[in-house]
mmCIF file of all heavy atoms, coordinates in Angstrom:
data_MODEL
# 
_entry.id   MODEL 
# 
loop_
_atom_site.group_PDB 
_atom_site.id 
_atom_site.type_symbol 
_atom_site.label_atom_id 
_atom_site.label_alt_id 
_atom_site.label_comp_id 
_atom_site.label_asym_id 
_atom_site.label_entity_id 
_atom_site.label_seq_id 
_atom_site.pdbx_PDB_ins_code 
_atom_site.Cartn_x 
_atom_site.Cartn_y 
_atom_site.Cartn_z 
_atom_site.occupancy 
_atom_site.B_iso_or_equiv 
_atom_site.pdbx_formal_charge 
_atom_site.auth_seq_id 
_atom_site.auth_comp_id 
_atom_site.auth_asym_id 
_atom_site.auth_atom_id 
_atom_site.pdbx_PDB_model_num 
ATOM 1   N N   . GLU A 1 1  ? 90.855 85.477  94.948  1.00 0.00 ? 1  GLU A N   1 
ATOM 2   C CA  . GLU A 1 1  ? 91.847 84.419  94.743  1.00 0.00 ? 1  GLU A CA  1 
ATOM 3   C C   . GLU A 1 1  ? 92.222 83.759  96.067  1.00 0.00 ? 1  GLU A C   1 
ATOM 4   O O   . GLU A 1 1  ? 92.374 82.534  96.140  1.00 0.00 ? 1  GLU A O   1 
ATOM 5   C CB  . GLU A 1 1  ? 93.081 84.989  94.045  1.00 0.00 ? 1  GLU A CB  1 
ATOM 6   C CG  . GLU A 1 1  ? 92.840 85.345  92.583  1.00 0.00 ? 1  GLU A CG  1 
ATOM 7   C CD  . GLU A 1 1  ? 93.966 86.157  91.972  1.00 0.00 ? 1  GLU A CD  1 
ATOM 8   O OE1 . GLU A 1 1  ? 94.872 86.593  92.715  1.00 0.00 ? 1  GLU A OE1 1 
ATOM 9   O OE2 . GLU A 1 1  ? 93.925 86.366  90.746  1.00 0.00 ? 1  GLU A OE2 1 
ATOM 10  N N   . VAL A 1 2  ? 92.376 84.561  97.119  1.00 0.00 ? 2  VAL A N   1 
ATOM 11  C CA  . VAL A 1 2  ? 92.674 84.017  98.442  1.00 0.00 ? 2  VAL A CA  1 
ATOM 12  C C   . VAL A 1 2  ? 91.574 83.054  98.885  1.00 0.00 ? 2  VAL A C   1 
ATOM 13  O O   . VAL A 1 2  ? 91.829 82.047  99.555  1.00 0.00 ? 2  VAL A O   1 
ATOM 14  C CB  . VAL A 1 2  ? 92.842 85.163  99.469  1.00 0.00 ? 2  VAL A CB  1 
ATOM 15  C CG1 . VAL A 1 2  ? 92.784 84.635  100.904 1.00 0.00 ? 2  VAL A CG1 1 
ATOM 16  C CG2 . VAL A 1 2  ? 94.155 85.895  99.237  1.00 0.00 ? 2  VAL A CG2 1 
ATOM 17  N N   . LEU A 1 3  ? 90.345 83.349  98.470  1.00 0.00 ? 3  LEU A N   1 
ATOM 18  C CA  . LEU A 1 3  ? 89.201 82.529  98.855  1.00 0.00 ? 3  LEU A CA  1 
ATOM 19  C C   . LEU A 1 3  ? 88.977 81.346  97.906  1.00 0.00 ? 3  LEU A C   1 
ATOM 20  O O   . LEU A 1 3  ? 87.988 80.622  98.035  1.00 0.00 ? 3  LEU A O   1 
ATOM 21  C CB  . LEU A 1 3  ? 87.942 83.397  98.910  1.00 0.00 ? 3  LEU A CB  1 
ATOM 22  C CG  . LEU A 1 3  ? 87.926 84.448  100.029 1.00 0.00 ? 3  LEU A CG  1 
ATOM 23  C CD1 . LEU A 1 3  ? 86.770 85.419  99.832  1.00 0.00 ? 3  LEU A CD1 1 
ATOM 24  C CD2 . LEU A 1 3  ? 87.835 83.775  101.390 1.00 0.00 ? 3  LEU A CD2 1 
ATOM 25  N N   . GLY A 1 4  ? 89.888 81.143  96.963  1.00 0.00 ? 4  GLY A N   1 
ATOM 26  C CA  . GLY A 1 4  ? 89.816 79.976  96.101  1.00 0.00 ? 4  GLY A CA  1 
ATOM 27  C C   . GLY A 1 4  ? 89.070 80.162  94.799  1.00 0.00 ? 4  GLY A C   1 
ATOM 28  O O   . GLY A 1 4  ? 88.675 79.179  94.159  1.00 0.00 ? 4  GLY A O   1 
ATOM 29  N N   . CYS A 1 5  ? 88.882 81.382  94.362  1.00 0.00 ? 5  CYS A N   1 
ATOM 30  C CA  . CYS A 1 5  ? 88.156 81.656  93.118  1.00 0.00 ? 5  CYS A CA  1 
ATOM 31  C C   . CYS A 1 5  ? 89.124 81.958  91.976  1.00 0.00 ? 5  CYS A C   1 
ATOM 32  O O   . CYS A 1 5  ? 90.299 82.261  92.197  1.00 0.00 ? 5  CYS A O   1 
ATOM 33  C CB  . CYS A 1 5  ? 87.215 82.842  93.307  1.00 0.00 ? 5  CYS A CB  1 
ATOM 34  S SG  . CYS A 1 5  ? 85.965 82.590  94.588  1.00 0.00 ? 5  CYS A SG  1 
ATOM 35  N N   . THR A 1 6  ? 88.611 81.904  90.762  1.00 0.00 ? 6  THR A N   1 
ATOM 36  C CA  . THR A 1 6  ? 89.354 82.288  89.569  1.00 0.00 ? 6  THR A CA  1 
ATOM 37  C C   . THR A 1 6  ? 88.847 83.642  89.099  1.00 0.00 ? 6  THR A C   1 
ATOM 38  O O   . THR A 1 6  ? 87.635 83.860  89.017  1.00 0.00 ? 6  THR A O   1 
ATOM 39  C CB  . THR A 1 6  ? 89.158 81.254  88.449  1.00 0.00 ? 6  THR A CB  1 
ATOM 40  O OG1 . THR A 1 6  ? 89.619 79.977  88.910  1.00 0.00 ? 6  THR A OG1 1 
ATOM 41  C CG2 . THR A 1 6  ? 89.939 81.655  87.203  1.00 0.00 ? 6  THR A CG2 1 
ATOM 42  N N   . VAL A 1 7  ? 89.770 84.548  88.783  1.00 0.00 ? 7  VAL A N   1 
ATOM 43  C CA  . VAL A 1 7  ? 89.397 85.915  88.439  1.00 0.00 ? 7  VAL A CA  1 
ATOM 44  C C   . VAL A 1 7  ? 89.931 86.280  87.064  1.00 0.00 ? 7  VAL A C   1 
ATOM 45  O O   . VAL A 1 7  ? 91.068 85.969  86.717  1.00 0.00 ? 7  VAL A O   1 
ATOM 46  C CB  . VAL A 1 7  ? 89.957 86.920  89.477  1.00 0.00 ? 7  VAL A CB  1 
ATOM 47  C CG1 . VAL A 1 7  ? 89.547 88.339  89.115  1.00 0.00 ? 7  VAL A CG1 1 
ATOM 48  C CG2 . VAL A 1 7  ? 89.485 86.571  90.879  1.00 0.00 ? 7  VAL A CG2 1 
ATOM 49  N N   . LYS A 1 8  ? 89.092 86.937  86.277  1.00 0.00 ? 8  LYS A N   1 
ATOM 50  C CA  . LYS A 1 8  ? 89.490 87.485  84.986  1.00 0.00 ? 8  LYS A CA  1 
ATOM 51  C C   . LYS A 1 8  ? 89.240 88.989  85.009  1.00 0.00 ? 8  LYS A C   1 
ATOM 52  O O   . LYS A 1 8  ? 88.123 89.432  85.258  1.00 0.00 ? 8  LYS A O   1 
ATOM 53  C CB  . LYS A 1 8  ? 88.698 86.840  83.854  1.00 0.00 ? 8  LYS A CB  1 
ATOM 54  C CG  . LYS A 1 8  ? 89.127 87.296  82.463  1.00 0.00 ? 8  LYS A CG  1 
ATOM 55  C CD  . LYS A 1 8  ? 88.360 86.556  81.377  1.00 0.00 ? 8  LYS A CD  1 
ATOM 56  C CE  . LYS A 1 8  ? 88.821 86.976  79.983  1.00 0.00 ? 8  LYS A CE  1 
ATOM 57  N NZ  . LYS A 1 8  ? 88.062 86.252  78.929  1.00 0.00 ? 8  LYS A NZ  1 
ATOM 58  N N   . MET A 1 9  ? 90.299 89.765  84.761  1.00 0.00 ? 9  MET A N   1 
ATOM 59  C CA  . MET A 1 9  ? 90.192 91.225  84.795  1.00 0.00 ? 9  MET A CA  1 
ATOM 60  C C   . MET A 1 9  ? 89.915 91.761  83.392  1.00 0.00 ? 9  MET A C   1 
ATOM 61  O O   . MET A 1 9  ? 90.535 91.325  82.426  1.00 0.00 ? 9  MET A O   1 
ATOM 62  C CB  . MET A 1 9  ? 91.453 91.853  85.367  1.00 0.00 ? 9  MET A CB  1 
ATOM 63  C CG  . MET A 1 9  ? 91.737 91.458  86.810  1.00 0.00 ? 9  MET A CG  1 
ATOM 64  S SD  . MET A 1 9  ? 93.175 92.313  87.518  1.00 0.00 ? 9  MET A SD  1 
ATOM 65  C CE  . MET A 1 9  ? 92.583 94.008  87.570  1.00 0.00 ? 9  MET A CE  1 
ATOM 66  N N   . HIS A 1 10 ? 88.990 92.709  83.295  1.00 0.00 ? 10 HIS A N   1 
ATOM 67  C CA  . HIS A 1 10 ? 88.630 93.303  82.014  1.00 0.00 ? 10 HIS A CA  1 
ATOM 68  C C   . HIS A 1 10 ? 89.014 94.786  81.934  1.00 0.00 ? 10 HIS A C   1 
ATOM 69  O O   . HIS A 1 10 ? 88.733 95.438  80.924  1.00 0.00 ? 10 HIS A O   1 
ATOM 70  C CB  . HIS A 1 10 ? 87.130 93.156  81.767  1.00 0.00 ? 10 HIS A CB  1 
ATOM 71  C CG  . HIS A 1 10 ? 86.700 91.740  81.554  1.00 0.00 ? 10 HIS A CG  1 
ATOM 72  N ND1 . HIS A 1 10 ? 86.846 91.085  80.356  1.00 0.00 ? 10 HIS A ND1 1 
ATOM 73  C CD2 . HIS A 1 10 ? 86.163 90.840  82.411  1.00 0.00 ? 10 HIS A CD2 1 
ATOM 74  C CE1 . HIS A 1 10 ? 86.396 89.847  80.457  1.00 0.00 ? 10 HIS A CE1 1 
ATOM 75  N NE2 . HIS A 1 10 ? 85.975 89.669  81.694  1.00 0.00 ? 10 HIS A NE2 1 
ATOM 76  N N   . ALA A 1 11 ? 89.614 95.310  82.977  1.00 0.00 ? 11 ALA A N   1 
ATOM 77  C CA  . ALA A 1 11 ? 90.073 96.710  82.982  1.00 0.00 ? 11 ALA A CA  1 
ATOM 78  C C   . ALA A 1 11 ? 91.223 96.822  83.961  1.00 0.00 ? 11 ALA A C   1 
ATOM 79  O O   . ALA A 1 11 ? 91.343 96.014  84.892  1.00 0.00 ? 11 ALA A O   1 
ATOM 80  C CB  . ALA A 1 11 ? 88.941 97.659  83.373  1.00 0.00 ? 11 ALA A CB  1 
ATOM 81  N N   . GLY A 1 12 ? 92.063 97.799  83.743  1.00 0.00 ? 12 GLY A N   1 
ATOM 82  C CA  . GLY A 1 12 ? 93.194 98.011  84.621  1.00 0.00 ? 12 GLY A CA  1 
ATOM 83  C C   . GLY A 1 12 ? 92.956 99.168  85.568  1.00 0.00 ? 12 GLY A C   1 
ATOM 84  O O   . GLY A 1 12 ? 92.234 100.117 85.242  1.00 0.00 ? 12 GLY A O   1 
ATOM 85  N N   . ASP A 1 13 ? 93.548 99.090  86.749  1.00 0.00 ? 13 ASP A N   1 
ATOM 86  C CA  . ASP A 1 13 ? 93.473 100.210 87.674  1.00 0.00 ? 13 ASP A CA  1 
ATOM 87  C C   . ASP A 1 13 ? 94.076 101.448 87.027  1.00 0.00 ? 13 ASP A C   1 
ATOM 88  O O   . ASP A 1 13 ? 95.112 101.384 86.369  1.00 0.00 ? 13 ASP A O   1 
ATOM 89  C CB  . ASP A 1 13 ? 94.230 99.881  88.968  1.00 0.00 ? 13 ASP A CB  1 
ATOM 90  C CG  . ASP A 1 13 ? 93.476 98.910  89.852  1.00 0.00 ? 13 ASP A CG  1 
ATOM 91  O OD1 . ASP A 1 13 ? 92.240 99.000  89.907  1.00 0.00 ? 13 ASP A OD1 1 
ATOM 92  O OD2 . ASP A 1 13 ? 94.124 98.068  90.501  1.00 0.00 ? 13 ASP A OD2 1 
ATOM 93  N N   . GLY A 1 14 ? 93.407 102.567 87.210  1.00 0.00 ? 14 GLY A N   1 
ATOM 94  C CA  . GLY A 1 14 ? 93.862 103.821 86.615  1.00 0.00 ? 14 GLY A CA  1 
ATOM 95  C C   . GLY A 1 14 ? 93.181 104.159 85.306  1.00 0.00 ? 14 GLY A C   1 
ATOM 96  O O   . GLY A 1 14 ? 93.375 105.259 84.780  1.00 0.00 ? 14 GLY A O   1 
ATOM 97  N N   . SER A 1 15 ? 92.378 103.235 84.774  1.00 0.00 ? 15 SER A N   1 
ATOM 98  C CA  . SER A 1 15 ? 91.677 103.503 83.521  1.00 0.00 ? 15 SER A CA  1 
ATOM 99  C C   . SER A 1 15 ? 90.314 104.127 83.785  1.00 0.00 ? 15 SER A C   1 
ATOM 100 O O   . SER A 1 15 ? 89.665 103.828 84.781  1.00 0.00 ? 15 SER A O   1 
ATOM 101 C CB  . SER A 1 15 ? 91.516 102.207 82.718  1.00 0.00 ? 15 SER A CB  1 
ATOM 102 O OG  . SER A 1 15 ? 90.769 101.246 83.452  1.00 0.00 ? 15 SER A OG  1 
ATOM 103 N N   . MET A 1 16 ? 89.888 104.992 82.884  1.00 0.00 ? 16 MET A N   1 
ATOM 104 C CA  . MET A 1 16 ? 88.552 105.580 82.969  1.00 0.00 ? 16 MET A CA  1 
ATOM 105 C C   . MET A 1 16 ? 87.559 104.575 82.417  1.00 0.00 ? 16 MET A C   1 
ATOM 106 O O   . MET A 1 16 ? 87.747 104.055 81.319  1.00 0.00 ? 16 MET A O   1 
ATOM 107 C CB  . MET A 1 16 ? 88.490 106.880 82.169  1.00 0.00 ? 16 MET A CB  1 
ATOM 108 C CG  . MET A 1 16 ? 87.112 107.534 82.165  1.00 0.00 ? 16 MET A CG  1 
ATOM 109 S SD  . MET A 1 16 ? 86.555 108.076 83.810  1.00 0.00 ? 16 MET A SD  1 
ATOM 110 C CE  . MET A 1 16 ? 87.635 109.501 84.039  1.00 0.00 ? 16 MET A CE  1 
ATOM 111 N N   . VAL A 1 17 ? 86.513 104.271 83.179  1.00 0.00 ? 17 VAL A N   1 
ATOM 112 C CA  . VAL A 1 17 ? 85.553 103.258 82.754  1.00 0.00 ? 17 VAL A CA  1 
ATOM 113 C C   . VAL A 1 17 ? 84.140 103.831 82.798  1.00 0.00 ? 17 VAL A C   1 
ATOM 114 O O   . VAL A 1 17 ? 83.827 104.712 83.603  1.00 0.00 ? 17 VAL A O   1 
ATOM 115 C CB  . VAL A 1 17 ? 85.641 101.992 83.632  1.00 0.00 ? 17 VAL A CB  1 
ATOM 116 C CG1 . VAL A 1 17 ? 86.999 101.327 83.472  1.00 0.00 ? 17 VAL A CG1 1 
ATOM 117 C CG2 . VAL A 1 17 ? 85.379 102.311 85.095  1.00 0.00 ? 17 VAL A CG2 1 
ATOM 118 N N   . GLU A 1 18 ? 83.306 103.291 81.938  1.00 0.00 ? 18 GLU A N   1 
ATOM 119 C CA  . GLU A 1 18 ? 81.911 103.717 81.877  1.00 0.00 ? 18 GLU A CA  1 
ATOM 120 C C   . GLU A 1 18 ? 81.063 102.921 82.864  1.00 0.00 ? 18 GLU A C   1 
ATOM 121 O O   . GLU A 1 18 ? 81.458 101.853 83.330  1.00 0.00 ? 18 GLU A O   1 
ATOM 122 C CB  . GLU A 1 18 ? 81.372 103.533 80.456  1.00 0.00 ? 18 GLU A CB  1 
ATOM 123 C CG  . GLU A 1 18 ? 82.066 104.389 79.412  1.00 0.00 ? 18 GLU A CG  1 
ATOM 124 C CD  . GLU A 1 18 ? 81.956 105.870 79.731  1.00 0.00 ? 18 GLU A CD  1 
ATOM 125 O OE1 . GLU A 1 18 ? 80.861 106.314 80.151  1.00 0.00 ? 18 GLU A OE1 1 
ATOM 126 O OE2 . GLU A 1 18 ? 82.960 106.586 79.568  1.00 0.00 ? 18 GLU A OE2 1 
ATOM 127 N N   . ALA A 1 19 ? 79.898 103.445 83.149  1.00 0.00 ? 19 ALA A N   1 
ATOM 128 C CA  . ALA A 1 19 ? 78.963 102.744 84.024  1.00 0.00 ? 19 ALA A CA  1 
ATOM 129 C C   . ALA A 1 19 ? 78.587 101.400 83.428  1.00 0.00 ? 19 ALA A C   1 
ATOM 130 O O   . ALA A 1 19 ? 78.394 101.280 82.214  1.00 0.00 ? 19 ALA A O   1 
ATOM 131 C CB  . ALA A 1 19 ? 77.711 103.599 84.235  1.00 0.00 ? 19 ALA A CB  1 
ATOM 132 N N   . ARG A 1 20 ? 78.523 100.391 84.285  1.00 0.00 ? 20 ARG A N   1 
ATOM 133 C CA  . ARG A 1 20 ? 78.082 99.037  83.976  1.00 0.00 ? 20 ARG A CA  1 
ATOM 134 C C   . ARG A 1 20 ? 79.059 98.254  83.108  1.00 0.00 ? 20 ARG A C   1 
ATOM 135 O O   . ARG A 1 20 ? 78.759 97.131  82.696  1.00 0.00 ? 20 ARG A O   1 
ATOM 136 C CB  . ARG A 1 20 ? 76.678 99.027  83.349  1.00 0.00 ? 20 ARG A CB  1 
ATOM 137 C CG  . ARG A 1 20 ? 75.612 99.689  84.210  1.00 0.00 ? 20 ARG A CG  1 
ATOM 138 C CD  . ARG A 1 20 ? 74.216 99.354  83.749  1.00 0.00 ? 20 ARG A CD  1 
ATOM 139 N NE  . ARG A 1 20 ? 73.922 97.924  83.987  1.00 0.00 ? 20 ARG A NE  1 
ATOM 140 C CZ  . ARG A 1 20 ? 73.494 97.418  85.145  1.00 0.00 ? 20 ARG A CZ  1 
ATOM 141 N NH1 . ARG A 1 20 ? 73.320 98.215  86.193  1.00 0.00 ? 20 ARG A NH1 1 
ATOM 142 N NH2 . ARG A 1 20 ? 73.240 96.128  85.254  1.00 0.00 ? 20 ARG A NH2 1 
ATOM 143 N N   . LYS A 1 21 ? 80.232 98.793  82.838  1.00 0.00 ? 21 LYS A N   1 
ATOM 144 C CA  . LYS A 1 21 ? 81.260 98.011  82.148  1.00 0.00 ? 21 LYS A CA  1 
ATOM 145 C C   . LYS A 1 21 ? 81.778 96.946  83.105  1.00 0.00 ? 21 LYS A C   1 
ATOM 146 O O   . LYS A 1 21 ? 82.152 97.249  84.235  1.00 0.00 ? 21 LYS A O   1 
ATOM 147 C CB  . LYS A 1 21 ? 82.416 98.898  81.694  1.00 0.00 ? 21 LYS A CB  1 
ATOM 148 C CG  . LYS A 1 21 ? 83.608 98.114  81.139  1.00 0.00 ? 21 LYS A CG  1 
ATOM 149 C CD  . LYS A 1 21 ? 84.754 99.031  80.755  1.00 0.00 ? 21 LYS A CD  1 
ATOM 150 C CE  . LYS A 1 21 ? 86.023 98.244  80.460  1.00 0.00 ? 21 LYS A CE  1 
ATOM 151 N NZ  . LYS A 1 21 ? 85.860 97.281  79.357  1.00 0.00 ? 21 LYS A NZ  1 
ATOM 152 N N   . VAL A 1 22 ? 81.800 95.691  82.646  1.00 0.00 ? 22 VAL A N   1 
ATOM 153 C CA  . VAL A 1 22 ? 82.294 94.605  83.494  1.00 0.00 ? 22 VAL A CA  1 
ATOM 154 C C   . VAL A 1 22 ? 83.797 94.772  83.699  1.00 0.00 ? 22 VAL A C   1 
ATOM 155 O O   . VAL A 1 22 ? 84.568 94.836  82.730  1.00 0.00 ? 22 VAL A O   1 
ATOM 156 C CB  . VAL A 1 22 ? 81.986 93.229  82.872  1.00 0.00 ? 22 VAL A CB  1 
ATOM 157 C CG1 . VAL A 1 22 ? 82.628 92.120  83.699  1.00 0.00 ? 22 VAL A CG1 1 
ATOM 158 C CG2 . VAL A 1 22 ? 80.478 93.014  82.790  1.00 0.00 ? 22 VAL A CG2 1 
ATOM 159 N N   . LEU A 1 23 ? 84.205 94.831  84.952  1.00 0.00 ? 23 LEU A N   1 
ATOM 160 C CA  . LEU A 1 23 ? 85.604 95.048  85.293  1.00 0.00 ? 23 LEU A CA  1 
ATOM 161 C C   . LEU A 1 23 ? 86.288 93.762  85.738  1.00 0.00 ? 23 LEU A C   1 
ATOM 162 O O   . LEU A 1 23 ? 87.462 93.546  85.457  1.00 0.00 ? 23 LEU A O   1 
ATOM 163 C CB  . LEU A 1 23 ? 85.718 96.102  86.400  1.00 0.00 ? 23 LEU A CB  1 
ATOM 164 C CG  . LEU A 1 23 ? 85.000 97.424  86.119  1.00 0.00 ? 23 LEU A CG  1 
ATOM 165 C CD1 . LEU A 1 23 ? 85.105 98.348  87.314  1.00 0.00 ? 23 LEU A CD1 1 
ATOM 166 C CD2 . LEU A 1 23 ? 85.562 98.085  84.865  1.00 0.00 ? 23 LEU A CD2 1 
ATOM 167 N N   . LEU A 1 24 ? 85.549 92.939  86.461  1.00 0.00 ? 24 LEU A N   1 
ATOM 168 C CA  . LEU A 1 24 ? 86.061 91.647  86.916  1.00 0.00 ? 24 LEU A CA  1 
ATOM 169 C C   . LEU A 1 24 ? 85.008 90.577  86.686  1.00 0.00 ? 24 LEU A C   1 
ATOM 170 O O   . LEU A 1 24 ? 83.812 90.831  86.881  1.00 0.00 ? 24 LEU A O   1 
ATOM 171 C CB  . LEU A 1 24 ? 86.380 91.666  88.425  1.00 0.00 ? 24 LEU A CB  1 
ATOM 172 C CG  . LEU A 1 24 ? 87.514 92.515  88.980  1.00 0.00 ? 24 LEU A CG  1 
ATOM 173 C CD1 . LEU A 1 24 ? 87.608 92.314  90.487  1.00 0.00 ? 24 LEU A CD1 1 
ATOM 174 C CD2 . LEU A 1 24 ? 88.836 92.161  88.325  1.00 0.00 ? 24 LEU A CD2 1 
ATOM 175 N N   . GLU A 1 25 ? 85.455 89.396  86.290  1.00 0.00 ? 25 GLU A N   1 
ATOM 176 C CA  . GLU A 1 25 ? 84.617 88.206  86.294  1.00 0.00 ? 25 GLU A CA  1 
ATOM 177 C C   . GLU A 1 25 ? 85.233 87.220  87.277  1.00 0.00 ? 25 GLU A C   1 
ATOM 178 O O   . GLU A 1 25 ? 86.445 86.966  87.223  1.00 0.00 ? 25 GLU A O   1 
ATOM 179 C CB  . GLU A 1 25 ? 84.559 87.566  84.911  1.00 0.00 ? 25 GLU A CB  1 
ATOM 180 C CG  . GLU A 1 25 ? 83.645 88.258  83.923  1.00 0.00 ? 25 GLU A CG  1 
ATOM 181 C CD  . GLU A 1 25 ? 83.552 87.490  82.617  1.00 0.00 ? 25 GLU A CD  1 
ATOM 182 O OE1 . GLU A 1 25 ? 84.555 87.463  81.885  1.00 0.00 ? 25 GLU A OE1 1 
ATOM 183 O OE2 . GLU A 1 25 ? 82.483 86.912  82.355  1.00 0.00 ? 25 GLU A OE2 1 
# 
């Protein structure tokens, strides 16, 4: 965001996630 991009989060910090799950776009 500081660099001028738009970010969409698909997971929250502290959550258990599987391999290759998209976390940020």
